[in-house]
Protein backbone atom coordinates (compact mmCIF):
# COMPACT_ATOMS: atom_id res chain seq x y z
CA UNK A 1 -34.89 59.72 20.43
CA UNK A 2 -36.93 60.70 23.27
CA UNK A 3 -35.40 59.08 26.47
CA UNK A 4 -39.00 58.85 29.15
CA UNK A 5 -37.96 57.51 32.75
CA UNK A 6 -40.99 57.09 35.11
CA UNK A 7 -40.04 58.80 38.74
CA UNK A 8 -42.50 57.41 41.54
CA UNK A 9 -40.24 57.96 44.12
CA UNK A 10 -37.12 59.84 44.94
CA UNK A 11 -35.26 56.24 44.83
CA UNK A 12 -35.94 56.53 40.88
CA UNK A 13 -33.82 59.85 39.86
CA UNK A 14 -30.88 58.19 38.78
CA UNK A 15 -28.89 60.65 35.95
CA UNK A 16 -30.03 63.52 37.62
CA UNK A 17 -30.78 64.62 41.07
CA UNK A 18 -34.38 65.37 42.74
CA UNK A 19 -33.10 69.02 42.83
CA UNK A 20 -32.00 69.36 39.26
CA UNK A 21 -35.24 67.88 38.24
CA UNK A 22 -37.43 70.75 40.22
CA UNK A 23 -34.22 73.47 39.34
CA UNK A 24 -35.09 72.12 35.29
CA UNK A 25 -38.94 72.68 35.50
CA UNK A 26 -38.23 76.08 37.57
CA UNK A 27 -36.53 77.19 34.89
CA UNK A 28 -38.21 76.09 31.29
CA UNK A 29 -42.05 77.01 32.77
CA UNK A 30 -40.47 80.26 32.63
CA UNK A 31 -42.95 83.16 34.02
CA UNK A 32 -45.66 80.21 33.92
CA UNK A 33 -44.06 78.38 36.79
CA UNK A 34 -44.25 78.42 40.53
CA UNK A 35 -41.88 78.75 43.03
CA UNK A 36 -39.23 75.90 43.26
CA UNK A 37 -41.17 74.94 47.04
CA UNK A 38 -44.59 75.16 45.52
CA UNK A 39 -42.93 72.34 42.93
CA UNK A 40 -41.45 70.39 45.11
CA UNK A 41 -44.18 69.89 47.51
CA UNK A 42 -46.06 68.69 44.00
CA UNK A 43 -43.34 66.18 43.63
CA UNK A 44 -44.26 64.94 47.51
CA UNK A 45 -47.96 64.83 46.65
CA UNK A 46 -46.65 62.65 43.49
CA UNK A 47 -44.01 60.50 45.07
CA UNK A 48 -46.90 59.50 48.47
CA UNK A 49 -48.83 57.25 49.43
CA UNK A 50 -51.44 58.50 51.56
CA UNK A 51 -54.82 57.54 50.42
CA UNK A 52 -56.05 59.81 47.82
CA UNK A 53 -52.64 61.07 46.79
CA UNK A 54 -50.24 59.96 44.87
CA UNK A 55 -49.30 60.14 40.64
CA UNK A 56 -45.54 59.91 39.41
CA UNK A 57 -43.22 62.22 37.60
CA UNK A 58 -41.44 61.74 33.87
CA UNK A 59 -37.64 62.90 33.06
CA UNK A 60 -36.72 62.87 29.02
CA UNK A 61 -33.57 63.06 27.65
CA UNK A 62 -32.49 63.81 24.18
CA UNK A 63 -28.93 62.60 23.85
CA UNK A 64 -28.02 62.26 27.75
CA UNK A 65 -29.48 65.62 27.98
CA UNK A 66 -32.43 66.79 30.65
CA UNK A 67 -35.10 68.14 27.68
CA UNK A 68 -38.30 67.90 29.36
CA UNK A 69 -39.77 67.18 32.45
CA UNK A 70 -43.73 66.41 33.90
CA UNK A 71 -45.35 66.33 36.82
CA UNK A 72 -48.68 64.08 37.70
CA UNK A 73 -51.20 64.15 40.66
CA UNK A 74 -53.52 61.98 41.27
CA UNK A 75 -56.82 64.26 42.39
CA UNK A 76 -57.85 61.55 44.18
CA UNK A 77 -62.18 62.35 43.40
CA UNK A 78 -62.12 60.29 39.85
CA UNK A 79 -65.81 60.48 38.44
CA UNK A 80 -66.33 64.09 39.39
CA UNK A 81 -63.24 65.80 38.94
CA UNK A 82 -60.64 63.99 36.35
CA UNK A 83 -58.78 61.37 38.45
CA UNK A 84 -55.51 63.30 37.28
CA UNK A 85 -54.48 66.72 37.52
CA UNK A 86 -51.42 67.27 34.79
CA UNK A 87 -49.34 69.88 37.62
CA UNK A 88 -46.29 71.01 35.20
CA UNK A 89 -45.19 70.20 32.05
CA UNK A 90 -41.61 71.77 30.80
CA UNK A 91 -39.46 71.64 27.86
CA UNK A 92 -36.04 73.01 27.21
CA UNK A 93 -36.65 76.20 25.21
CA UNK A 94 -33.38 75.23 23.04
CA UNK A 95 -35.05 71.80 22.17
CA UNK A 96 -38.85 72.92 21.58
CA UNK A 97 -40.80 72.54 18.12
CA UNK A 98 -40.08 68.68 18.29
CA UNK A 99 -42.52 67.23 19.61
CA UNK A 100 -41.09 66.52 22.46
CA UNK A 101 -43.79 68.07 24.93
CA UNK A 102 -46.32 66.28 22.86
CA UNK A 103 -44.22 63.00 23.70
CA UNK A 104 -44.52 63.22 27.19
CA UNK A 105 -47.19 64.29 27.63
CA UNK A 106 -48.85 61.21 25.17
CA UNK A 107 -46.72 59.14 27.77
CA UNK A 108 -48.35 60.58 30.80
CA UNK A 109 -51.62 59.46 29.59
CA UNK A 110 -50.31 55.73 29.36
CA UNK A 111 -49.90 55.66 32.94
CA UNK A 112 -53.25 57.32 34.10
CA UNK A 113 -55.63 55.01 34.57
CA UNK A 114 -58.68 58.09 34.68
CA UNK A 115 -58.80 61.30 33.16
CA UNK A 116 -56.89 63.89 33.15
CA UNK A 117 -57.50 67.68 33.48
CA UNK A 118 -54.91 70.76 33.20
CA UNK A 119 -54.39 74.45 33.80
CA UNK A 120 -53.22 77.04 31.49
CA UNK A 121 -53.58 80.40 31.13
CA UNK A 122 -54.62 81.73 28.26
CA UNK A 123 -51.24 83.21 26.63
CA UNK A 124 -49.59 79.99 27.46
CA UNK A 125 -48.17 78.81 23.86
CA UNK A 126 -48.36 75.44 25.15
CA UNK A 127 -52.22 75.67 25.07
CA UNK A 128 -52.57 75.35 21.36
CA UNK A 129 -50.38 72.10 22.16
CA UNK A 130 -52.94 70.58 24.90
CA UNK A 131 -55.81 71.37 22.18
CA UNK A 132 -53.87 69.44 19.51
CA UNK A 133 -54.07 66.44 21.96
CA UNK A 134 -57.61 66.80 22.38
CA UNK A 135 -57.74 68.65 26.03
CA UNK A 136 -61.11 70.65 25.97
CA UNK A 137 -62.17 73.83 27.62
CA UNK A 138 -65.28 72.48 29.76
CA UNK A 139 -65.28 75.17 32.37
CA UNK A 140 -63.63 78.49 33.23
CA UNK A 141 -61.06 78.51 36.13
CA UNK A 142 -62.16 81.21 39.12
CA UNK A 143 -60.02 81.89 41.93
CA UNK A 144 -60.80 83.10 45.16
CA UNK A 145 -57.74 84.84 47.20
CA UNK A 146 -59.12 84.05 50.80
CA UNK A 147 -57.27 86.13 53.65
């Protein structure tokens, strides 16, 4: 059975360290991930008590081993933009296909008091999971790289 722990502050890390959690996400997000410094900034935002910021992280363990992680950030813009953005979710490649990703994402929904959005690349295999869970494509995201 999957043991999912909720992390809202640095003191909540018990079975692993913050650095181990960041390393896990960096490794298992593979080509769809970001540099460790950006994952760390995202975690700082999730743990922030500043107005309009906040969120949480989830660490999922199977037989005592970290097999999944997630970071959810509040947007502070509920109503016209979903209240939360699921920034990172990853499952150890050797444990994929067991429903762990779905369990982790669905646990995150239980902790949210509003709508959730995420960004996913079209070629990311996790896109199908998100669609099965109920995410829909409302917009095409476009970005402008300001110099």
